[in-house]
Amino acid sequence: MENSGLLSIEAAASLAVLIVIALSLPSPQPSGAENLFTMQKMDDMLIVWARNGTGMNEMVQDAELALGKGNFEIEIYGEDHLPAEQKMQNGKLTVREIRVFSPTGPRAIRLSVAQ
């Protein structure tokens, strides 16, 4: 056989197998990606709730749909009672908060999610 400068059939097949193996390996997800995605969902919900003046029942339904049942807490604070720092006994807690200034007075909506 003379060398035409191209890969032999065996070399091309080996290269194709290596490419298939490399592409089939699961790509590692950055460690903070899930937490970042959760924080983005929390921020989006808080913005919509604050803008629309959403009631507590609808907030709970939205949070259950986006975050799952039972691993979140929603708190609404009026002018007289602004939130204090929250502590969690077990696990990690992600807390996002938005402050709303309206003609009726300032209030804060806090959404906490256990990770």
PDB file of N, CA and C in Angstrom:
ATOM      1  N   MET A   1       0.826  -1.185   0.000  1.00  0.00           N
ATOM      2  CA  MET A   1       0.000   0.000   0.000  1.00  0.00           C
ATOM      3  C   MET A   1       0.866   1.242   0.000  1.00  0.00           C
ATOM      4  N   GLU A   2       0.432   2.184  -0.761  1.00  0.00           N
ATOM      5  CA  GLU A   2       1.197   3.417  -0.740  1.00  0.00           C
ATOM      6  C   GLU A   2       0.500   4.438   0.147  1.00  0.00           C
ATOM      7  N   ASN A   3       1.263   5.329   0.697  1.00  0.00           N
ATOM      8  CA  ASN A   3       0.765   6.318   1.641  1.00  0.00           C
ATOM      9  C   ASN A   3       0.207   7.510   0.867  1.00  0.00           C
ATOM     10  N   SER A   4      -1.095   7.736   0.952  1.00  0.00           N
ATOM     11  CA  SER A   4      -1.710   8.848   0.231  1.00  0.00           C
ATOM     12  C   SER A   4      -1.897  10.077   1.128  1.00  0.00           C
ATOM     13  N   GLY A   5      -1.419  10.010   2.339  1.00  0.00           N
ATOM     14  CA  GLY A   5      -1.518  11.134   3.254  1.00  0.00           C
ATOM     15  C   GLY A   5      -2.783  11.138   4.076  1.00  0.00           C
ATOM     16  N   LEU A   6      -3.726  10.250   3.812  1.00  0.00           N
ATOM     17  CA  LEU A   6      -4.961  10.160   4.584  1.00  0.00           C
ATOM     18  C   LEU A   6      -4.822   9.078   5.637  1.00  0.00           C
ATOM     19  N   LEU A   7      -5.734   9.044   6.576  1.00  0.00           N
ATOM     20  CA  LEU A   7      -5.716   8.011   7.603  1.00  0.00           C
ATOM     21  C   LEU A   7      -6.138   6.669   7.008  1.00  0.00           C
ATOM     22  N   SER A   8      -5.561   5.634   7.514  1.00  0.00           N
ATOM     23  CA  SER A   8      -5.990   4.311   7.086  1.00  0.00           C
ATOM     24  C   SER A   8      -7.377   4.029   7.652  1.00  0.00           C
ATOM     25  N   ILE A   9      -8.038   3.012   7.153  1.00  0.00           N
ATOM     26  CA  ILE A   9      -9.375   2.660   7.632  1.00  0.00           C
ATOM     27  C   ILE A   9      -9.339   2.324   9.118  1.00  0.00           C
ATOM     28  N   GLU A  10      -8.316   1.595   9.537  1.00  0.00           N
ATOM     29  CA  GLU A  10      -8.209   1.231  10.951  1.00  0.00           C
ATOM     30  C   GLU A  10      -8.009   2.463  11.829  1.00  0.00           C
ATOM     31  N   ALA A  11      -7.187   3.397  11.386  1.00  0.00           N
ATOM     32  CA  ALA A  11      -6.928   4.606  12.163  1.00  0.00           C
ATOM     33  C   ALA A  11      -8.182   5.478  12.235  1.00  0.00           C
ATOM     34  N   ALA A  12      -8.905   5.593  11.130  1.00  0.00           N
ATOM     35  CA  ALA A  12     -10.126   6.387  11.112  1.00  0.00           C
ATOM     36  C   ALA A  12     -11.191   5.766  12.019  1.00  0.00           C
ATOM     37  N   ALA A  13     -11.298   4.418  11.996  1.00  0.00           N
ATOM     38  CA  ALA A  13     -12.260   3.728  12.853  1.00  0.00           C
ATOM     39  C   ALA A  13     -11.893   3.918  14.323  1.00  0.00           C
ATOM     40  N   SER A  14     -10.609   3.825  14.648  1.00  0.00           N
ATOM     41  CA  SER A  14     -10.161   4.029  16.028  1.00  0.00           C
ATOM     42  C   SER A  14     -10.455   5.451  16.494  1.00  0.00           C
ATOM     43  N   LEU A  15     -10.208   6.420  15.631  1.00  0.00           N
ATOM     44  CA  LEU A  15     -10.475   7.812  15.966  1.00  0.00           C
ATOM     45  C   LEU A  15     -11.976   8.027  16.189  1.00  0.00           C
ATOM     46  N   ALA A  16     -12.803   7.423  15.345  1.00  0.00           N
ATOM     47  CA  ALA A  16     -14.252   7.549  15.494  1.00  0.00           C
ATOM     48  C   ALA A  16     -14.730   6.937  16.805  1.00  0.00           C
ATOM     49  N   VAL A  17     -14.168   5.775  17.190  1.00  0.00           N
ATOM     50  CA  VAL A  17     -14.543   5.137  18.453  1.00  0.00           C
ATOM     51  C   VAL A  17     -14.147   6.025  19.633  1.00  0.00           C
ATOM     52  N   LEU A  18     -12.959   6.613  19.585  1.00  0.00           N
ATOM     53  CA  LEU A  18     -12.523   7.504  20.667  1.00  0.00           C
ATOM     54  C   LEU A  18     -13.426   8.730  20.785  1.00  0.00           C
ATOM     55  N   ILE A  19     -13.841   9.282  19.663  1.00  0.00           N
ATOM     56  CA  ILE A  19     -14.722  10.449  19.689  1.00  0.00           C
ATOM     57  C   ILE A  19     -16.081  10.074  20.285  1.00  0.00           C
ATOM     58  N   VAL A  20     -16.619   8.927  19.888  1.00  0.00           N
ATOM     59  CA  VAL A  20     -17.909   8.478  20.430  1.00  0.00           C
ATOM     60  C   VAL A  20     -17.809   8.261  21.935  1.00  0.00           C
ATOM     61  N   ILE A  21     -16.726   7.651  22.390  1.00  0.00           N
ATOM     62  CA  ILE A  21     -16.541   7.417  23.827  1.00  0.00           C
ATOM     63  C   ILE A  21     -16.444   8.746  24.575  1.00  0.00           C
ATOM     64  N   ALA A  22     -15.675   9.683  24.029  1.00  0.00           N
ATOM     65  CA  ALA A  22     -15.506  10.982  24.683  1.00  0.00           C
ATOM     66  C   ALA A  22     -16.828  11.738  24.763  1.00  0.00           C
ATOM     67  N   LEU A  23     -17.636  11.663  23.713  1.00  0.00           N
ATOM     68  CA  LEU A  23     -18.916  12.373  23.715  1.00  0.00           C
ATOM     69  C   LEU A  23     -19.959  11.705  24.603  1.00  0.00           C
ATOM     70  N   SER A  24     -19.816  10.413  24.845  1.00  0.00           N
ATOM     71  CA  SER A  24     -20.810   9.714  25.664  1.00  0.00           C
ATOM     72  C   SER A  24     -20.546   9.851  27.163  1.00  0.00           C
ATOM     73  N   LEU A  25     -19.372  10.316  27.555  1.00  0.00           N
ATOM     74  CA  LEU A  25     -19.079  10.516  28.970  1.00  0.00           C
ATOM     75  C   LEU A  25     -19.917  11.675  29.510  1.00  0.00           C
ATOM     76  N   PRO A  26     -20.455  11.540  30.715  1.00  0.00           N
ATOM     77  CA  PRO A  26     -21.256  12.639  31.269  1.00  0.00           C
ATOM     78  C   PRO A  26     -20.361  13.829  31.585  1.00  0.00           C
ATOM     79  N   SER A  27     -20.841  15.002  31.235  1.00  0.00           N
ATOM     80  CA  SER A  27     -20.055  16.191  31.531  1.00  0.00           C
ATOM     81  C   SER A  27     -20.342  16.618  32.964  1.00  0.00           C
ATOM     82  N   PRO A  28     -19.322  16.873  33.741  1.00  0.00           N
ATOM     83  CA  PRO A  28     -19.547  17.264  35.141  1.00  0.00           C
ATOM     84  C   PRO A  28     -20.193  18.635  35.199  1.00  0.00           C
ATOM     85  N   GLN A  29     -21.189  18.762  36.066  1.00  0.00           N
ATOM     86  CA  GLN A  29     -21.868  20.030  36.265  1.00  0.00           C
ATOM     87  C   GLN A  29     -21.119  20.800  37.347  1.00  0.00           C
ATOM     88  N   PRO A  30     -20.922  22.088  37.139  1.00  0.00           N
ATOM     89  CA  PRO A  30     -20.265  22.857  38.197  1.00  0.00           C
ATOM     90  C   PRO A  30     -21.019  22.708  39.512  1.00  0.00           C
ATOM     91  N   SER A  31     -20.286  22.677  40.615  1.00  0.00           N
ATOM     92  CA  SER A  31     -20.891  22.385  41.917  1.00  0.00           C
ATOM     93  C   SER A  31     -21.944  23.402  42.322  1.00  0.00           C
ATOM     94  N   GLY A  32     -21.806  24.632  41.920  1.00  0.00           N
ATOM     95  CA  GLY A  32     -22.759  25.655  42.321  1.00  0.00           C
ATOM     96  C   GLY A  32     -23.876  25.886  41.326  1.00  0.00           C
ATOM     97  N   ALA A  33     -23.929  25.099  40.250  1.00  0.00           N
ATOM     98  CA  ALA A  33     -24.919  25.345  39.204  1.00  0.00           C
ATOM     99  C   ALA A  33     -26.346  25.149  39.708  1.00  0.00           C
ATOM    100  N   GLU A  34     -26.595  24.116  40.472  1.00  0.00           N
ATOM    101  CA  GLU A  34     -27.952  23.859  40.976  1.00  0.00           C
ATOM    102  C   GLU A  34     -28.374  24.963  41.941  1.00  0.00           C
ATOM    103  N   ASN A  35     -27.466  25.379  42.808  1.00  0.00           N
ATOM    104  CA  ASN A  35     -27.772  26.454  43.744  1.00  0.00           C
ATOM    105  C   ASN A  35     -28.028  27.769  42.997  1.00  0.00           C
ATOM    106  N   LEU A  36     -27.245  28.028  41.965  1.00  0.00           N
ATOM    107  CA  LEU A  36     -27.432  29.236  41.168  1.00  0.00           C
ATOM    108  C   LEU A  36     -28.791  29.224  40.470  1.00  0.00           C
ATOM    109  N   PHE A  37     -29.186  28.069  39.941  1.00  0.00           N
ATOM    110  CA  PHE A  37     -30.479  27.934  39.277  1.00  0.00           C
ATOM    111  C   PHE A  37     -31.616  28.152  40.276  1.00  0.00           C
ATOM    112  N   THR A  38     -31.491  27.620  41.469  1.00  0.00           N
ATOM    113  CA  THR A  38     -32.510  27.809  42.516  1.00  0.00           C
ATOM    114  C   THR A  38     -32.616  29.282  42.892  1.00  0.00           C
ATOM    115  N   MET A  39     -31.484  29.958  43.059  1.00  0.00           N
ATOM    116  CA  MET A  39     -31.509  31.381  43.411  1.00  0.00           C
ATOM    117  C   MET A  39     -32.159  32.203  42.304  1.00  0.00           C
ATOM    118  N   GLN A  40     -31.908  31.846  41.045  1.00  0.00           N
ATOM    119  CA  GLN A  40     -32.520  32.576  39.934  1.00  0.00           C
ATOM    120  C   GLN A  40     -34.041  32.403  39.948  1.00  0.00           C
ATOM    121  N   LYS A  41     -34.517  31.177  40.209  1.00  0.00           N
ATOM    122  CA  LYS A  41     -35.967  30.949  40.300  1.00  0.00           C
ATOM    123  C   LYS A  41     -36.556  31.756  41.450  1.00  0.00           C
ATOM    124  N   MET A  42     -35.858  31.780  42.585  1.00  0.00           N
ATOM    125  CA  MET A  42     -36.344  32.525  43.740  1.00  0.00           C
ATOM    126  C   MET A  42     -36.442  34.018  43.420  1.00  0.00           C
ATOM    127  N   ASP A  43     -35.387  34.561  42.800  1.00  0.00           N
ATOM    128  CA  ASP A  43     -35.387  35.981  42.444  1.00  0.00           C
ATOM    129  C   ASP A  43     -36.518  36.315  41.478  1.00  0.00           C
ATOM    130  N   ASP A  44     -36.718  35.458  40.481  1.00  0.00           N
ATOM    131  CA  ASP A  44     -37.786  35.697  39.511  1.00  0.00           C
ATOM    132  C   ASP A  44     -39.155  35.715  40.187  1.00  0.00           C
ATOM    133  N   MET A  45     -39.400  34.758  41.088  1.00  0.00           N
ATOM    134  CA  MET A  45     -40.686  34.726  41.776  1.00  0.00           C
ATOM    135  C   MET A  45     -40.881  35.966  42.644  1.00  0.00           C
ATOM    136  N   LEU A  46     -39.846  36.373  43.363  1.00  0.00           N
ATOM    137  CA  LEU A  46     -39.962  37.544  44.231  1.00  0.00           C
ATOM    138  C   LEU A  46     -40.287  38.803  43.429  1.00  0.00           C
ATOM    139  N   ILE A  47     -39.650  38.955  42.270  1.00  0.00           N
ATOM    140  CA  ILE A  47     -39.917  40.132  41.433  1.00  0.00           C
ATOM    141  C   ILE A  47     -41.363  40.146  40.969  1.00  0.00           C
ATOM    142  N   VAL A  48     -41.845  39.004  40.501  1.00  0.00           N
ATOM    143  CA  VAL A  48     -43.238  38.914  40.032  1.00  0.00           C
ATOM    144  C   VAL A  48     -44.207  39.146  41.176  1.00  0.00           C
ATOM    145  N   TRP A  49     -43.951  38.547  42.327  1.00  0.00           N
ATOM    146  CA  TRP A  49     -44.830  38.726  43.481  1.00  0.00           C
ATOM    147  C   TRP A  49     -44.898  40.191  43.902  1.00  0.00           C
ATOM    148  N   ALA A  50     -43.748  40.853  43.947  1.00  0.00           N
ATOM    149  CA  ALA A  50     -43.709  42.251  44.377  1.00  0.00           C
ATOM    150  C   ALA A  50     -44.412  43.145  43.364  1.00  0.00           C
ATOM    151  N   ARG A  51     -44.200  42.887  42.098  1.00  0.00           N
ATOM    152  CA  ARG A  51     -44.787  43.724  41.048  1.00  0.00           C
ATOM    153  C   ARG A  51     -46.308  43.563  40.981  1.00  0.00           C
ATOM    154  N   ASN A  52     -46.800  42.339  41.171  1.00  0.00           N
ATOM    155  CA  ASN A  52     -48.228  42.066  41.017  1.00  0.00           C
ATOM    156  C   ASN A  52     -49.014  42.141  42.312  1.00  0.00           C
ATOM    157  N   GLY A  53     -48.368  42.310  43.438  1.00  0.00           N
ATOM    158  CA  GLY A  53     -49.068  42.320  44.720  1.00  0.00           C
ATOM    159  C   GLY A  53     -49.730  40.980  45.010  1.00  0.00           C
ATOM    160  N   THR A  54     -49.029  39.906  44.728  1.00  0.00           N
ATOM    161  CA  THR A  54     -49.552  38.547  44.855  1.00  0.00           C
ATOM    162  C   THR A  54     -49.873  38.210  46.305  1.00  0.00           C
ATOM    163  N   GLY A  55     -50.965  37.482  46.511  1.00  0.00           N
ATOM    164  CA  GLY A  55     -51.369  37.046  47.846  1.00  0.00           C
ATOM    165  C   GLY A  55     -50.596  35.805  48.287  1.00  0.00           C
ATOM    166  N   MET A  56     -50.664  35.520  49.569  1.00  0.00           N
ATOM    167  CA  MET A  56     -49.901  34.420  50.158  1.00  0.00           C
ATOM    168  C   MET A  56     -50.260  33.057  49.544  1.00  0.00           C
ATOM    169  N   ASN A  57     -51.546  32.778  49.323  1.00  0.00           N
ATOM    170  CA  ASN A  57     -51.933  31.480  48.761  1.00  0.00           C
ATOM    171  C   ASN A  57     -51.304  31.249  47.393  1.00  0.00           C
ATOM    172  N   GLU A  58     -51.315  32.272  46.548  1.00  0.00           N
ATOM    173  CA  GLU A  58     -50.723  32.146  45.218  1.00  0.00           C
ATOM    174  C   GLU A  58     -49.198  32.018  45.305  1.00  0.00           C
ATOM    175  N   MET A  59     -48.588  32.722  46.264  1.00  0.00           N
ATOM    176  CA  MET A  59     -47.143  32.598  46.463  1.00  0.00           C
ATOM    177  C   MET A  59     -46.770  31.162  46.820  1.00  0.00           C
ATOM    178  N   VAL A  60     -47.545  30.565  47.712  1.00  0.00           N
ATOM    179  CA  VAL A  60     -47.278  29.186  48.132  1.00  0.00           C
ATOM    180  C   VAL A  60     -47.426  28.237  46.941  1.00  0.00           C
ATOM    181  N   GLN A  61     -48.465  28.425  46.146  1.00  0.00           N
ATOM    182  CA  GLN A  61     -48.661  27.571  44.969  1.00  0.00           C
ATOM    183  C   GLN A  61     -47.501  27.709  43.990  1.00  0.00           C
ATOM    184  N   ASP A  62     -47.060  28.952  43.734  1.00  0.00           N
ATOM    185  CA  ASP A  62     -45.934  29.181  42.826  1.00  0.00           C
ATOM    186  C   ASP A  62     -44.665  28.514  43.353  1.00  0.00           C
ATOM    187  N   ALA A  63     -44.407  28.687  44.652  1.00  0.00           N
ATOM    188  CA  ALA A  63     -43.187  28.126  45.246  1.00  0.00           C
ATOM    189  C   ALA A  63     -43.212  26.601  45.229  1.00  0.00           C
ATOM    190  N   GLU A  64     -44.374  26.003  45.496  1.00  0.00           N
ATOM    191  CA  GLU A  64     -44.472  24.538  45.451  1.00  0.00           C
ATOM    192  C   GLU A  64     -44.201  24.024  44.041  1.00  0.00           C
ATOM    193  N   LEU A  65     -44.688  24.735  43.048  1.00  0.00           N
ATOM    194  CA  LEU A  65     -44.483  24.329  41.662  1.00  0.00           C
ATOM    195  C   LEU A  65     -43.009  24.454  41.262  1.00  0.00           C
ATOM    196  N   ALA A  66     -42.372  25.533  41.659  1.00  0.00           N
ATOM    197  CA  ALA A  66     -40.988  25.784  41.235  1.00  0.00           C
ATOM    198  C   ALA A  66     -39.940  25.125  42.125  1.00  0.00           C
ATOM    199  N   LEU A  67     -40.213  24.991  43.421  1.00  0.00           N
ATOM    200  CA  LEU A  67     -39.184  24.550  44.364  1.00  0.00           C
ATOM    201  C   LEU A  67     -39.483  23.211  45.031  1.00  0.00           C
ATOM    202  N   GLY A  68     -40.695  22.708  44.888  1.00  0.00           N
ATOM    203  CA  GLY A  68     -41.064  21.463  45.550  1.00  0.00           C
ATOM    204  C   GLY A  68     -41.766  21.744  46.866  1.00  0.00           C
ATOM    205  N   LYS A  69     -42.529  20.772  47.324  1.00  0.00           N
ATOM    206  CA  LYS A  69     -43.307  20.958  48.557  1.00  0.00           C
ATOM    207  C   LYS A  69     -42.435  20.809  49.796  1.00  0.00           C
ATOM    208  N   GLY A  70     -42.688  21.665  50.758  1.00  0.00           N
ATOM    209  CA  GLY A  70     -42.132  21.471  52.082  1.00  0.00           C
ATOM    210  C   GLY A  70     -40.708  21.916  52.335  1.00  0.00           C
ATOM    211  N   ASN A  71     -39.988  22.404  51.326  1.00  0.00           N
ATOM    212  CA  ASN A  71     -38.600  22.796  51.595  1.00  0.00           C
ATOM    213  C   ASN A  71     -38.397  24.302  51.453  1.00  0.00           C
ATOM    214  N   PHE A  72     -39.463  25.078  51.631  1.00  0.00           N
ATOM    215  CA  PHE A  72     -39.332  26.527  51.529  1.00  0.00           C
ATOM    216  C   PHE A  72     -40.188  27.198  52.595  1.00  0.00           C
ATOM    217  N   GLU A  73     -39.916  28.464  52.808  1.00  0.00           N
ATOM    218  CA  GLU A  73     -40.702  29.270  53.747  1.00  0.00           C
ATOM    219  C   GLU A  73     -40.832  30.664  53.165  1.00  0.00           C
ATOM    220  N   ILE A  74     -42.030  31.220  53.193  1.00  0.00           N
ATOM    221  CA  ILE A  74     -42.284  32.572  52.700  1.00  0.00           C
ATOM    222  C   ILE A  74     -42.690  33.428  53.889  1.00  0.00           C
ATOM    223  N   GLU A  75     -42.046  34.585  53.999  1.00  0.00           N
ATOM    224  CA  GLU A  75     -42.367  35.509  55.082  1.00  0.00           C
ATOM    225  C   GLU A  75     -42.609  36.891  54.496  1.00  0.00           C
ATOM    226  N   ILE A  76     -43.619  37.569  54.993  1.00  0.00           N
ATOM    227  CA  ILE A  76     -43.912  38.934  54.570  1.00  0.00           C
ATOM    228  C   ILE A  76     -43.844  39.822  55.806  1.00  0.00           C
ATOM    229  N   TYR A  77     -43.060  40.880  55.711  1.00  0.00           N
ATOM    230  CA  TYR A  77     -42.864  41.783  56.839  1.00  0.00           C
ATOM    231  C   TYR A  77     -43.352  43.169  56.461  1.00  0.00           C
ATOM    232  N   GLY A  78     -44.063  43.789  57.350  1.00  0.00           N
ATOM    233  CA  GLY A  78     -44.515  45.156  57.147  1.00  0.00           C
ATOM    234  C   GLY A  78     -43.505  46.142  57.689  1.00  0.00           C
ATOM    235  N   GLU A  79     -43.905  47.366  57.718  1.00  0.00           N
ATOM    236  CA  GLU A  79     -43.028  48.443  58.166  1.00  0.00           C
ATOM    237  C   GLU A  79     -42.579  48.247  59.614  1.00  0.00           C
ATOM    238  N   ASP A  80     -43.463  47.728  60.436  1.00  0.00           N
ATOM    239  CA  ASP A  80     -43.155  47.588  61.856  1.00  0.00           C
ATOM    240  C   ASP A  80     -42.249  46.402  62.158  1.00  0.00           C
ATOM    241  N   HIS A  81     -42.212  45.440  61.279  1.00  0.00           N
ATOM    242  CA  HIS A  81     -41.485  44.207  61.587  1.00  0.00           C
ATOM    243  C   HIS A  81     -40.628  43.798  60.385  1.00  0.00           C
ATOM    244  N   LEU A  82     -39.453  44.369  60.282  1.00  0.00           N
ATOM    245  CA  LEU A  82     -38.547  43.977  59.211  1.00  0.00           C
ATOM    246  C   LEU A  82     -37.809  42.707  59.631  1.00  0.00           C
ATOM    247  N   PRO A  83     -37.436  41.868  58.685  1.00  0.00           N
ATOM    248  CA  PRO A  83     -36.896  40.547  59.018  1.00  0.00           C
ATOM    249  C   PRO A  83     -35.564  40.603  59.748  1.00  0.00           C
ATOM    250  N   ALA A  84     -35.429  39.690  60.677  1.00  0.00           N
ATOM    251  CA  ALA A  84     -34.153  39.482  61.357  1.00  0.00           C
ATOM    252  C   ALA A  84     -33.435  38.341  60.641  1.00  0.00           C
ATOM    253  N   GLU A  85     -32.198  38.111  60.984  1.00  0.00           N
ATOM    254  CA  GLU A  85     -31.455  37.034  60.348  1.00  0.00           C
ATOM    255  C   GLU A  85     -32.060  35.683  60.712  1.00  0.00           C
ATOM    256  N   GLN A  86     -32.165  34.828  59.719  1.00  0.00           N
ATOM    257  CA  GLN A  86     -32.805  33.530  59.934  1.00  0.00           C
ATOM    258  C   GLN A  86     -31.744  32.458  60.122  1.00  0.00           C
ATOM    259  N   LYS A  87     -32.035  31.487  60.970  1.00  0.00           N
ATOM    260  CA  LYS A  87     -31.097  30.403  61.242  1.00  0.00           C
ATOM    261  C   LYS A  87     -31.779  29.081  60.935  1.00  0.00           C
ATOM    262  N   MET A  88     -30.998  28.139  60.457  1.00  0.00           N
ATOM    263  CA  MET A  88     -31.544  26.821  60.137  1.00  0.00           C
ATOM    264  C   MET A  88     -30.780  25.796  60.956  1.00  0.00           C
ATOM    265  N   GLN A  89     -31.497  24.826  61.482  1.00  0.00           N
ATOM    266  CA  GLN A  89     -30.844  23.841  62.334  1.00  0.00           C
ATOM    267  C   GLN A  89     -30.064  22.812  61.523  1.00  0.00           C
ATOM    268  N   ASN A  90     -30.671  22.272  60.463  1.00  0.00           N
ATOM    269  CA  ASN A  90     -30.011  21.233  59.672  1.00  0.00           C
ATOM    270  C   ASN A  90     -29.897  21.671  58.226  1.00  0.00           C
ATOM    271  N   GLY A  91     -28.749  21.458  57.625  1.00  0.00           N
ATOM    272  CA  GLY A  91     -28.586  21.720  56.206  1.00  0.00           C
ATOM    273  C   GLY A  91     -28.291  23.171  55.894  1.00  0.00           C
ATOM    274  N   LYS A  92     -28.277  23.449  54.599  1.00  0.00           N
ATOM    275  CA  LYS A  92     -27.951  24.773  54.099  1.00  0.00           C
ATOM    276  C   LYS A  92     -29.233  25.502  53.740  1.00  0.00           C
ATOM    277  N   LEU A  93     -29.279  26.767  54.008  1.00  0.00           N
ATOM    278  CA  LEU A  93     -30.460  27.575  53.746  1.00  0.00           C
ATOM    279  C   LEU A  93     -30.097  28.678  52.761  1.00  0.00           C
ATOM    280  N   THR A  94     -30.849  28.771  51.664  1.00  0.00           N
ATOM    281  CA  THR A  94     -30.677  29.853  50.704  1.00  0.00           C
ATOM    282  C   THR A  94     -31.799  30.839  50.933  1.00  0.00           C
ATOM    283  N   VAL A  95     -31.447  32.096  51.162  1.00  0.00           N
ATOM    284  CA  VAL A  95     -32.437  33.120  51.477  1.00  0.00           C
ATOM    285  C   VAL A  95     -32.335  34.241  50.447  1.00  0.00           C
ATOM    286  N   ARG A  96     -33.471  34.611  49.882  1.00  0.00           N
ATOM    287  CA  ARG A  96     -33.555  35.740  48.957  1.00  0.00           C
ATOM    288  C   ARG A  96     -34.662  36.640  49.478  1.00  0.00           C
ATOM    289  N   GLU A  97     -34.488  37.940  49.286  1.00  0.00           N
ATOM    290  CA  GLU A  97     -35.442  38.891  49.847  1.00  0.00           C
ATOM    291  C   GLU A  97     -35.600  40.062  48.894  1.00  0.00           C
ATOM    292  N   ILE A  98     -36.796  40.614  48.857  1.00  0.00           N
ATOM    293  CA  ILE A  98     -37.034  41.826  48.080  1.00  0.00           C
ATOM    294  C   ILE A  98     -37.786  42.806  48.966  1.00  0.00           C
ATOM    295  N   ARG A  99     -37.442  44.070  48.858  1.00  0.00           N
ATOM    296  CA  ARG A  99     -38.139  45.120  49.625  1.00  0.00           C
ATOM    297  C   ARG A  99     -38.991  45.921  48.660  1.00  0.00           C
ATOM    298  N   VAL A 100     -40.225  46.126  49.049  1.00  0.00           N
ATOM    299  CA  VAL A 100     -41.189  46.808  48.208  1.00  0.00           C
ATOM    300  C   VAL A 100     -41.608  48.099  48.900  1.00  0.00           C
ATOM    301  N   PHE A 101     -41.537  49.197  48.163  1.00  0.00           N
ATOM    302  CA  PHE A 101     -41.965  50.481  48.703  1.00  0.00           C
ATOM    303  C   PHE A 101     -43.222  50.899  47.960  1.00  0.00           C
ATOM    304  N   SER A 102     -44.325  50.962  48.671  1.00  0.00           N
ATOM    305  CA  SER A 102     -45.613  51.284  48.060  1.00  0.00           C
ATOM    306  C   SER A 102     -46.264  52.418  48.845  1.00  0.00           C
ATOM    307  N   PRO A 103     -47.374  52.968  48.330  1.00  0.00           N
ATOM    308  CA  PRO A 103     -48.053  54.039  49.070  1.00  0.00           C
ATOM    309  C   PRO A 103     -48.529  53.602  50.455  1.00  0.00           C
ATOM    310  N   THR A 104     -48.774  52.315  50.639  1.00  0.00           N
ATOM    311  CA  THR A 104     -49.211  51.835  51.951  1.00  0.00           C
ATOM    312  C   THR A 104     -48.053  51.647  52.914  1.00  0.00           C
ATOM    313  N   GLY A 105     -46.833  51.787  52.441  1.00  0.00           N
ATOM    314  CA  GLY A 105     -45.664  51.647  53.291  1.00  0.00           C
ATOM    315  C   GLY A 105     -44.743  50.542  52.814  1.00  0.00           C
ATOM    316  N   PRO A 106     -43.529  50.530  53.315  1.00  0.00           N
ATOM    317  CA  PRO A 106     -42.572  49.514  52.873  1.00  0.00           C
ATOM    318  C   PRO A 106     -42.906  48.139  53.452  1.00  0.00           C
ATOM    319  N   ARG A 107     -42.540  47.130  52.710  1.00  0.00           N
ATOM    320  CA  ARG A 107     -42.661  45.750  53.201  1.00  0.00           C
ATOM    321  C   ARG A 107     -41.554  44.937  52.555  1.00  0.00           C
ATOM    322  N   ALA A 108     -41.302  43.793  53.135  1.00  0.00           N
ATOM    323  CA  ALA A 108     -40.279  42.899  52.611  1.00  0.00           C
ATOM    324  C   ALA A 108     -40.892  41.517  52.430  1.00  0.00           C
ATOM    325  N   ILE A 109     -40.504  40.871  51.349  1.00  0.00           N
ATOM    326  CA  ILE A 109     -40.913  39.483  51.113  1.00  0.00           C
ATOM    327  C   ILE A 109     -39.634  38.648  51.124  1.00  0.00           C
ATOM    328  N   ARG A 110     -39.593  37.658  51.997  1.00  0.00           N
ATOM    329  CA  ARG A 110     -38.421  36.802  52.114  1.00  0.00           C
ATOM    330  C   ARG A 110     -38.812  35.381  51.747  1.00  0.00           C
ATOM    331  N   LEU A 111     -37.993  34.771  50.888  1.00  0.00           N
ATOM    332  CA  LEU A 111     -38.199  33.392  50.472  1.00  0.00           C
ATOM    333  C   LEU A 111     -36.959  32.603  50.888  1.00  0.00           C
ATOM    334  N   SER A 112     -37.143  31.577  51.707  1.00  0.00           N
ATOM    335  CA  SER A 112     -36.049  30.742  52.201  1.00  0.00           C
ATOM    336  C   SER A 112     -36.244  29.328  51.670  1.00  0.00           C
ATOM    337  N   VAL A 113     -35.157  28.709  51.190  1.00  0.00           N
ATOM    338  CA  VAL A 113     -35.231  27.361  50.643  1.00  0.00           C
ATOM    339  C   VAL A 113     -34.126  26.514  51.288  1.00  0.00           C
ATOM    340  N   ALA A 114     -34.517  25.354  51.800  1.00  0.00           N
ATOM    341  CA  ALA A 114     -33.546  24.411  52.353  1.00  0.00           C
ATOM    342  C   ALA A 114     -32.936  23.614  51.207  1.00  0.00           C
ATOM    343  N   GLN A 115     -31.624  23.534  51.188  1.00  0.00           N
ATOM    344  CA  GLN A 115     -30.914  22.794  50.133  1.00  0.00           C
ATOM    345  C   GLN A 115     -30.557  21.417  50.602  1.00  0.00           C
TER     346      GLN A 115
END
